Amino acid sequence: MSDTLKVDTEVLRVAGSNLRLVAKAFNNAEADSAQAGAACGHEDLRKALASFASNWDDRRARIMESLAAVAEACVGIGEGFEQLDTELAAALTSD
């Protein structure tokens, strides 16, 4: 077992950013389905897409909240490790 802890804070930051993009896509899902329904040219399909999008609003909202929380956690953890690394380096180099 290694006595070294390595954390790739850039990976955490990118993950947080990507999760925010996913949450944004979820947020736009109802509008996107309305546009897709209008573009398909078939009234029953348009209604089905609109119904699906509106029926899962609550689930989508919960998923968006969870995605936002995980995104913030990823960014916060990355920033926390960077700050800790800076502080530990300063403590080791100061007299």
Protein backbone atom coordinates (compact mmCIF):
# COMPACT_ATOMS: atom_id res chain seq x y z
CA MET A 1 0.00 0.00 0.00
CA SER A 2 1.26 3.45 -0.93
CA ASP A 3 1.64 6.27 1.57
CA THR A 4 0.99 8.83 -1.16
CA LEU A 5 -2.35 10.44 -1.90
CA LYS A 6 -2.68 11.68 -5.46
CA VAL A 7 -5.74 13.65 -6.53
CA ASP A 8 -6.12 14.89 -10.07
CA THR A 9 -7.98 18.11 -9.32
CA GLU A 10 -8.32 18.93 -13.01
CA VAL A 11 -10.34 15.73 -13.49
CA LEU A 12 -12.62 16.82 -10.64
CA ARG A 13 -13.06 20.29 -12.12
CA VAL A 14 -13.82 18.90 -15.58
CA ALA A 15 -16.28 16.40 -14.10
CA GLY A 16 -18.05 19.26 -12.31
CA SER A 17 -18.22 21.28 -15.50
CA ASN A 18 -19.52 18.32 -17.50
CA LEU A 19 -22.16 17.54 -14.89
CA ARG A 20 -23.36 21.14 -15.11
CA LEU A 21 -23.75 20.67 -18.89
CA VAL A 22 -25.76 17.50 -18.33
CA ALA A 23 -28.00 19.32 -15.84
CA LYS A 24 -28.50 22.10 -18.38
CA ALA A 25 -29.47 19.53 -21.03
CA PHE A 26 -32.01 18.05 -18.61
CA ASN A 27 -33.35 21.52 -17.98
CA ASN A 28 -33.87 22.06 -21.71
CA ALA A 29 -35.43 18.63 -22.32
CA GLU A 30 -39.04 19.80 -22.37
CA ALA A 31 -38.34 22.63 -24.79
CA ASP A 32 -36.26 20.28 -26.96
CA SER A 33 -39.07 17.72 -27.07
CA ALA A 34 -41.55 20.43 -28.07
CA GLN A 35 -39.28 21.46 -30.94
CA ALA A 36 -38.79 17.84 -31.99
CA GLY A 37 -42.51 17.22 -31.88
CA ALA A 38 -43.23 20.25 -34.01
CA ALA A 39 -40.55 19.25 -36.50
CA CYS A 40 -41.69 15.65 -36.91
CA GLY A 41 -44.86 16.60 -38.77
CA HIS A 42 -46.97 13.94 -37.06
CA GLU A 43 -49.57 15.17 -34.56
CA ASP A 44 -49.72 11.96 -32.49
CA LEU A 45 -45.94 11.87 -32.15
CA ARG A 46 -45.89 15.54 -31.17
CA LYS A 47 -48.49 14.87 -28.47
CA ALA A 48 -46.60 11.82 -27.23
CA LEU A 49 -43.35 13.78 -26.93
CA ALA A 50 -45.08 16.65 -25.16
CA SER A 51 -46.83 14.27 -22.77
CA PHE A 52 -43.62 12.42 -21.98
CA ALA A 53 -41.70 15.63 -21.31
CA SER A 54 -44.33 17.09 -19.01
CA ASN A 55 -44.99 13.81 -17.17
CA TRP A 56 -41.48 13.43 -15.93
CA ASP A 57 -40.89 17.05 -14.87
CA ASP A 58 -40.65 16.06 -11.19
CA ARG A 59 -38.14 13.31 -11.87
CA ARG A 60 -36.13 15.54 -14.13
CA ALA A 61 -36.08 18.25 -11.44
CA ARG A 62 -34.76 15.78 -8.86
CA ILE A 63 -32.12 14.53 -11.26
CA MET A 64 -31.06 18.11 -12.05
CA GLU A 65 -30.76 18.89 -8.33
CA SER A 66 -28.64 15.79 -7.80
CA LEU A 67 -26.44 16.58 -10.79
CA ALA A 68 -25.92 20.12 -9.55
CA ALA A 69 -24.99 18.87 -6.07
CA VAL A 70 -22.47 16.36 -7.44
CA ALA A 71 -21.06 19.00 -9.80
CA GLU A 72 -20.55 21.42 -6.92
CA ALA A 73 -19.01 18.66 -4.81
CA CYS A 74 -16.53 17.77 -7.56
CA VAL A 75 -15.45 21.37 -7.97
CA GLY A 76 -15.33 21.96 -4.22
CA ILE A 77 -13.26 18.84 -3.58
CA GLY A 78 -10.83 19.80 -6.34
CA GLU A 79 -10.48 23.32 -4.99
CA GLY A 80 -10.14 22.03 -1.44
CA PHE A 81 -7.29 19.69 -2.35
CA GLU A 82 -5.56 22.45 -4.30
CA GLN A 83 -5.81 24.80 -1.32
CA LEU A 84 -4.60 22.09 1.07
CA ASP A 85 -1.66 21.31 -1.20
CA THR A 86 -0.72 25.00 -1.34
CA GLU A 87 -0.97 25.36 2.44
CA LEU A 88 1.05 22.20 3.12
CA ALA A 89 3.73 23.28 0.64
CA ALA A 90 3.91 26.68 2.32
CA ALA A 91 4.20 25.06 5.74
CA LEU A 92 7.05 22.84 4.55
CA THR A 93 9.01 25.72 3.00
CA SER A 94 8.54 28.31 5.74
CA ASP A 95 10.96 28.70 8.59
